[in-house]
Amino acid sequence: MMHLILPPNNNGKGGLYLGNEIAAQDSQTLKKNNIRAVVTIIAEEFQEYDEEVVDQHLKIFAYDIETENIKRFFHKSFTFIEENL
């Protein structure tokens, strides 16, 4: 499942989507929506993307538990998103 958070501009760039692991692994959906940069937050190793589909990939290793301090990843994530919109 994937949700459009910020629509792309008139050139088809700048869209921001939020999705789950299944959506992130769906090459057809990524291509259809012109998604070239992905932030992955996961507790285990994640497949690498084909550079023809995704050319920018930020991997953050974190557990989905209440005690995980995700604030430590905010600056890096925000910078990556701003640079790739």
N, C-alpha and C. Protein backbone atom coordinates (compact mmCIF):
# COMPACT_ATOMS: atom_id res chain seq x y z
N MET A 1 0.84 -1.17 0.00
CA MET A 1 0.00 0.00 0.00
C MET A 1 0.89 1.24 0.00
N MET A 2 0.50 2.22 -0.79
CA MET A 2 1.26 3.46 -0.89
C MET A 2 0.30 4.63 -0.96
N HIS A 3 0.65 5.72 -0.26
CA HIS A 3 -0.19 6.92 -0.22
C HIS A 3 0.60 8.11 -0.74
N LEU A 4 -0.06 8.94 -1.54
CA LEU A 4 0.53 10.17 -2.03
C LEU A 4 0.42 11.23 -0.94
N ILE A 5 1.55 11.75 -0.48
CA ILE A 5 1.58 12.76 0.58
C ILE A 5 1.71 14.16 -0.03
N LEU A 6 2.58 14.28 -1.03
CA LEU A 6 2.83 15.56 -1.70
C LEU A 6 2.83 15.29 -3.20
N PRO A 7 1.89 15.86 -3.95
CA PRO A 7 1.81 15.57 -5.39
C PRO A 7 3.04 16.07 -6.14
N PRO A 8 3.40 15.38 -7.22
CA PRO A 8 4.51 15.84 -8.07
C PRO A 8 4.17 17.18 -8.71
N ASN A 9 5.22 17.90 -9.13
CA ASN A 9 4.98 19.17 -9.83
C ASN A 9 4.56 18.88 -11.27
N ASN A 10 4.41 19.92 -12.07
CA ASN A 10 3.96 19.76 -13.45
C ASN A 10 4.92 18.95 -14.32
N ASN A 11 6.19 18.86 -13.90
CA ASN A 11 7.18 18.08 -14.63
C ASN A 11 7.21 16.63 -14.17
N GLY A 12 6.33 16.25 -13.25
CA GLY A 12 6.28 14.88 -12.76
C GLY A 12 7.32 14.58 -11.70
N LYS A 13 7.97 15.62 -11.17
CA LYS A 13 8.98 15.42 -10.14
C LYS A 13 8.50 16.03 -8.83
N GLY A 14 9.08 15.56 -7.73
CA GLY A 14 8.80 16.16 -6.45
C GLY A 14 7.69 15.50 -5.66
N GLY A 15 7.17 14.37 -6.12
CA GLY A 15 6.13 13.68 -5.38
C GLY A 15 6.70 12.99 -4.15
N LEU A 16 5.94 12.99 -3.08
CA LEU A 16 6.34 12.31 -1.85
C LEU A 16 5.28 11.28 -1.51
N TYR A 17 5.70 10.04 -1.37
CA TYR A 17 4.80 8.92 -1.10
C TYR A 17 5.20 8.26 0.21
N LEU A 18 4.24 7.65 0.86
CA LEU A 18 4.47 6.87 2.06
C LEU A 18 3.90 5.49 1.81
N GLY A 19 4.74 4.48 1.99
CA GLY A 19 4.27 3.13 1.71
C GLY A 19 4.92 2.11 2.60
N ASN A 20 4.49 0.89 2.44
CA ASN A 20 5.03 -0.20 3.25
C ASN A 20 6.08 -0.97 2.46
N GLU A 21 6.61 -2.02 3.05
CA GLU A 21 7.69 -2.81 2.44
C GLU A 21 7.24 -3.44 1.12
N ILE A 22 6.01 -3.88 1.05
CA ILE A 22 5.51 -4.50 -0.18
C ILE A 22 5.51 -3.49 -1.32
N ALA A 23 5.03 -2.28 -1.06
CA ALA A 23 5.02 -1.23 -2.09
C ALA A 23 6.44 -0.86 -2.50
N ALA A 24 7.35 -0.83 -1.55
CA ALA A 24 8.73 -0.46 -1.84
C ALA A 24 9.43 -1.48 -2.73
N GLN A 25 8.95 -2.70 -2.73
CA GLN A 25 9.56 -3.76 -3.54
C GLN A 25 8.86 -3.95 -4.88
N ASP A 26 7.83 -3.16 -5.14
CA ASP A 26 7.06 -3.30 -6.37
C ASP A 26 7.63 -2.37 -7.44
N SER A 27 8.51 -2.90 -8.27
CA SER A 27 9.19 -2.11 -9.30
C SER A 27 8.22 -1.43 -10.25
N GLN A 28 7.14 -2.10 -10.58
CA GLN A 28 6.16 -1.52 -11.51
C GLN A 28 5.52 -0.27 -10.91
N THR A 29 5.15 -0.32 -9.64
CA THR A 29 4.55 0.84 -8.97
C THR A 29 5.55 1.98 -8.86
N LEU A 30 6.79 1.66 -8.54
CA LEU A 30 7.83 2.69 -8.45
C LEU A 30 8.02 3.37 -9.80
N LYS A 31 8.11 2.58 -10.86
CA LYS A 31 8.27 3.14 -12.21
C LYS A 31 7.06 3.99 -12.61
N LYS A 32 5.87 3.46 -12.39
CA LYS A 32 4.64 4.14 -12.77
C LYS A 32 4.53 5.52 -12.11
N ASN A 33 5.00 5.63 -10.88
CA ASN A 33 4.92 6.88 -10.13
C ASN A 33 6.21 7.70 -10.20
N ASN A 34 7.14 7.26 -11.04
CA ASN A 34 8.42 7.96 -11.23
C ASN A 34 9.16 8.16 -9.91
N ILE A 35 9.14 7.15 -9.06
CA ILE A 35 9.82 7.20 -7.77
C ILE A 35 11.26 6.74 -7.98
N ARG A 36 12.20 7.67 -7.79
CA ARG A 36 13.61 7.40 -8.04
C ARG A 36 14.44 7.40 -6.76
N ALA A 37 13.86 7.84 -5.65
CA ALA A 37 14.58 7.89 -4.37
C ALA A 37 13.67 7.27 -3.30
N VAL A 38 14.28 6.44 -2.45
CA VAL A 38 13.51 5.71 -1.43
C VAL A 38 14.25 5.76 -0.10
N VAL A 39 13.51 6.02 0.97
CA VAL A 39 14.02 5.87 2.34
C VAL A 39 13.43 4.58 2.88
N THR A 40 14.29 3.69 3.32
CA THR A 40 13.84 2.43 3.90
C THR A 40 14.24 2.41 5.38
N ILE A 41 13.26 2.18 6.23
CA ILE A 41 13.51 2.02 7.67
C ILE A 41 13.14 0.60 8.01
N ILE A 42 14.14 -0.18 8.37
CA ILE A 42 13.91 -1.61 8.56
C ILE A 42 14.95 -2.16 9.54
N ALA A 43 14.62 -3.25 10.19
CA ALA A 43 15.50 -3.83 11.20
C ALA A 43 16.39 -4.94 10.63
N GLU A 44 16.23 -5.23 9.37
CA GLU A 44 17.03 -6.29 8.77
C GLU A 44 17.52 -5.86 7.40
N GLU A 45 18.35 -6.65 6.80
CA GLU A 45 18.89 -6.32 5.48
C GLU A 45 17.76 -6.21 4.47
N PHE A 46 17.89 -5.30 3.56
CA PHE A 46 16.86 -5.03 2.55
C PHE A 46 17.48 -5.18 1.18
N GLN A 47 16.70 -5.66 0.24
CA GLN A 47 17.20 -5.85 -1.11
C GLN A 47 17.68 -4.53 -1.70
N GLU A 48 18.68 -4.62 -2.54
CA GLU A 48 19.13 -3.44 -3.26
C GLU A 48 18.22 -3.22 -4.46
N TYR A 49 18.06 -1.98 -4.83
CA TYR A 49 17.24 -1.65 -5.99
C TYR A 49 18.07 -1.69 -7.26
N ASP A 50 17.41 -2.01 -8.34
CA ASP A 50 18.00 -1.87 -9.65
C ASP A 50 18.13 -0.38 -9.91
N GLU A 51 19.32 0.11 -10.28
CA GLU A 51 19.53 1.54 -10.47
C GLU A 51 18.69 2.12 -11.60
N GLU A 52 18.16 1.28 -12.47
CA GLU A 52 17.27 1.77 -13.51
C GLU A 52 15.91 2.14 -12.93
N VAL A 53 15.60 1.62 -11.74
CA VAL A 53 14.32 1.92 -11.09
C VAL A 53 14.52 2.99 -10.02
N VAL A 54 15.42 2.74 -9.07
CA VAL A 54 15.68 3.66 -7.95
C VAL A 54 17.18 3.97 -7.94
N ASP A 55 17.52 5.25 -8.07
CA ASP A 55 18.94 5.58 -8.09
C ASP A 55 19.45 6.21 -6.79
N GLN A 56 18.54 6.55 -5.87
CA GLN A 56 18.92 7.08 -4.56
C GLN A 56 18.19 6.28 -3.48
N HIS A 57 18.96 5.68 -2.56
CA HIS A 57 18.35 4.82 -1.53
C HIS A 57 19.03 5.07 -0.20
N LEU A 58 18.26 5.58 0.75
CA LEU A 58 18.75 5.77 2.12
C LEU A 58 18.20 4.64 2.96
N LYS A 59 19.11 3.84 3.55
CA LYS A 59 18.70 2.73 4.41
C LYS A 59 18.97 3.11 5.86
N ILE A 60 17.94 3.01 6.67
CA ILE A 60 18.06 3.27 8.10
C ILE A 60 17.68 1.99 8.82
N PHE A 61 18.60 1.51 9.63
CA PHE A 61 18.34 0.28 10.38
C PHE A 61 17.82 0.63 11.77
N ALA A 62 16.55 0.28 12.02
CA ALA A 62 15.91 0.57 13.29
C ALA A 62 14.83 -0.48 13.55
N TYR A 63 14.61 -0.77 14.80
CA TYR A 63 13.58 -1.74 15.18
C TYR A 63 12.23 -1.04 15.38
N ASP A 64 11.17 -1.73 15.06
CA ASP A 64 9.82 -1.20 15.24
C ASP A 64 9.36 -1.54 16.66
N ILE A 65 10.01 -0.86 17.62
CA ILE A 65 9.69 -1.05 19.03
C ILE A 65 9.57 0.32 19.69
N GLU A 66 8.83 0.37 20.75
CA GLU A 66 8.54 1.62 21.43
C GLU A 66 9.80 2.33 21.94
N THR A 67 10.82 1.59 22.31
CA THR A 67 12.01 2.19 22.89
C THR A 67 13.03 2.66 21.84
N GLU A 68 12.78 2.42 20.57
CA GLU A 68 13.71 2.86 19.52
C GLU A 68 13.68 4.38 19.42
N ASN A 69 14.84 5.00 19.48
CA ASN A 69 14.95 6.47 19.40
C ASN A 69 15.05 6.87 17.92
N ILE A 70 13.90 7.08 17.28
CA ILE A 70 13.92 7.40 15.85
C ILE A 70 14.29 8.86 15.58
N LYS A 71 14.23 9.70 16.60
CA LYS A 71 14.61 11.11 16.41
C LYS A 71 16.04 11.24 15.89
N ARG A 72 16.88 10.29 16.21
CA ARG A 72 18.28 10.36 15.77
C ARG A 72 18.41 10.24 14.25
N PHE A 73 17.36 9.80 13.58
CA PHE A 73 17.38 9.65 12.12
C PHE A 73 16.69 10.80 11.39
N PHE A 74 16.04 11.71 12.11
CA PHE A 74 15.24 12.75 11.47
C PHE A 74 16.06 13.64 10.54
N HIS A 75 17.16 14.19 11.02
CA HIS A 75 17.94 15.12 10.20
C HIS A 75 18.41 14.47 8.91
N LYS A 76 18.97 13.29 9.02
CA LYS A 76 19.46 12.58 7.84
C LYS A 76 18.32 12.29 6.86
N SER A 77 17.18 11.87 7.38
CA SER A 77 16.02 11.56 6.53
C SER A 77 15.47 12.82 5.87
N PHE A 78 15.31 13.89 6.64
CA PHE A 78 14.77 15.14 6.09
C PHE A 78 15.68 15.69 4.99
N THR A 79 16.98 15.64 5.24
CA THR A 79 17.95 16.12 4.24
C THR A 79 17.85 15.30 2.96
N PHE A 80 17.78 13.99 3.09
CA PHE A 80 17.66 13.11 1.93
C PHE A 80 16.39 13.43 1.13
N ILE A 81 15.28 13.60 1.84
CA ILE A 81 14.01 13.89 1.17
C ILE A 81 14.08 15.23 0.46
N GLU A 82 14.58 16.26 1.13
CA GLU A 82 14.68 17.59 0.51
C GLU A 82 15.56 17.56 -0.73
N GLU A 83 16.66 16.82 -0.68
CA GLU A 83 17.58 16.75 -1.82
C GLU A 83 16.99 15.99 -3.00
N ASN A 84 16.00 15.16 -2.75
CA ASN A 84 15.46 14.31 -3.81
C ASN A 84 14.05 14.65 -4.25
N LEU A 85 13.50 15.74 -3.72
CA LEU A 85 12.18 16.17 -4.19
C LEU A 85 12.30 16.94 -5.49
